[in-house]
């Protein structure tokens, strides 16, 4: 096979694999967002804008960082200061 030949089956496999990775990352972030919200709601009243912001976050590592802040914060204000989250 030369470099100019197109292998449709191989290209489709690569596309499916890439899509699977994207969905796995989204699923992982969604699960972490749900966990974070559970922690926050157990401790305090969570404003709607913050719930929306949490579920917009796609970076699982960022969500883990916020979870750690939620567990160590003494108040919602303290949590927001630790994370830099704000309504604006």
Protein backbone atom coordinates (compact mmCIF):
# COMPACT_ATOMS: atom_id res chain seq x y z
CA UNK A 1 0.00 0.00 0.00
CA UNK A 2 1.39 3.36 -0.95
CA UNK A 3 1.03 6.53 1.09
CA UNK A 4 -1.53 7.70 -1.44
CA UNK A 5 -3.92 4.81 -0.88
CA UNK A 6 -6.88 5.50 1.34
CA UNK A 7 -7.97 2.86 3.82
CA UNK A 8 -11.56 3.76 4.65
CA UNK A 9 -11.93 1.07 7.30
CA UNK A 10 -8.82 2.27 9.15
CA UNK A 11 -9.93 5.90 8.97
CA UNK A 12 -13.38 5.02 10.35
CA UNK A 13 -11.78 3.07 13.20
CA UNK A 14 -9.65 6.10 14.08
CA UNK A 15 -12.70 8.38 14.02
CA UNK A 16 -14.72 6.04 16.27
CA UNK A 17 -11.80 5.77 18.68
CA UNK A 18 -11.47 9.56 18.85
CA UNK A 19 -15.20 9.97 19.43
CA UNK A 20 -15.10 7.35 22.20
CA UNK A 21 -12.31 9.23 23.95
CA UNK A 22 -14.29 12.47 23.79
CA UNK A 23 -17.40 10.81 25.24
CA UNK A 24 -15.36 9.15 27.97
CA UNK A 25 -13.88 12.51 28.98
CA UNK A 26 -17.31 14.15 28.97
CA UNK A 27 -18.75 11.32 31.05
CA UNK A 28 -15.92 11.54 33.56
CA UNK A 29 -16.34 15.31 33.89
CA UNK A 30 -20.11 14.97 34.28
CA UNK A 31 -19.64 12.42 37.06
CA UNK A 32 -17.19 14.66 38.86
CA UNK A 33 -19.54 17.64 38.46
CA UNK A 34 -22.32 15.59 40.05
CA UNK A 35 -20.02 14.58 42.91
CA UNK A 36 -18.95 18.17 43.49
CA UNK A 37 -22.54 19.36 43.54
CA UNK A 38 -23.42 16.62 46.03
CA UNK A 39 -20.65 17.81 48.36
CA UNK A 40 -21.66 21.45 48.02
CA UNK A 41 -25.37 20.79 48.51
CA UNK A 42 -24.67 18.70 51.59
CA UNK A 43 -22.81 21.61 53.13
CA UNK A 44 -24.54 24.73 51.83
CA UNK A 45 -27.23 26.18 49.57
CA UNK A 46 -25.84 26.28 46.04
CA UNK A 47 -26.89 29.18 43.80
CA UNK A 48 -28.23 28.34 40.34
CA UNK A 49 -25.42 30.17 38.54
CA UNK A 50 -22.86 27.99 40.33
CA UNK A 51 -24.66 24.76 39.42
CA UNK A 52 -24.65 25.85 35.78
CA UNK A 53 -20.95 26.75 35.93
CA UNK A 54 -20.04 23.41 37.49
CA UNK A 55 -21.84 21.47 34.75
CA UNK A 56 -20.22 23.60 32.04
CA UNK A 57 -16.74 22.57 33.21
CA UNK A 58 -15.30 19.86 30.97
CA UNK A 59 -11.92 19.50 32.70
CA UNK A 60 -12.06 16.63 35.20
CA UNK A 61 -8.87 17.80 36.92
CA UNK A 62 -10.37 21.25 37.49
CA UNK A 63 -13.47 19.64 38.99
CA UNK A 64 -11.28 17.53 41.30
CA UNK A 65 -9.55 20.69 42.44
CA UNK A 66 -12.91 22.28 43.19
CA UNK A 67 -13.96 19.16 45.12
CA UNK A 68 -10.90 19.48 47.32
CA UNK A 69 -11.73 23.14 47.90
CA UNK A 70 -15.32 22.20 48.75
CA UNK A 71 -14.17 19.69 51.33
CA UNK A 72 -11.74 22.08 53.00
CA UNK A 73 -13.78 25.30 52.85
CA UNK A 74 -15.53 26.51 55.96
CA UNK A 75 -18.21 28.48 54.13
CA UNK A 76 -19.59 28.90 50.63
CA UNK A 77 -17.81 32.26 50.47
CA UNK A 78 -14.55 30.51 51.39
CA UNK A 79 -15.15 27.91 48.66
CA UNK A 80 -15.76 30.61 46.06
CA UNK A 81 -12.61 32.47 47.10
CA UNK A 82 -10.49 29.29 46.96
CA UNK A 83 -11.74 28.43 43.48
CA UNK A 84 -11.98 31.91 42.00
CA UNK A 85 -15.55 31.20 40.91
CA UNK A 86 -17.91 34.13 40.72
CA UNK A 87 -21.26 34.94 39.23
CA UNK A 88 -19.79 37.18 36.55
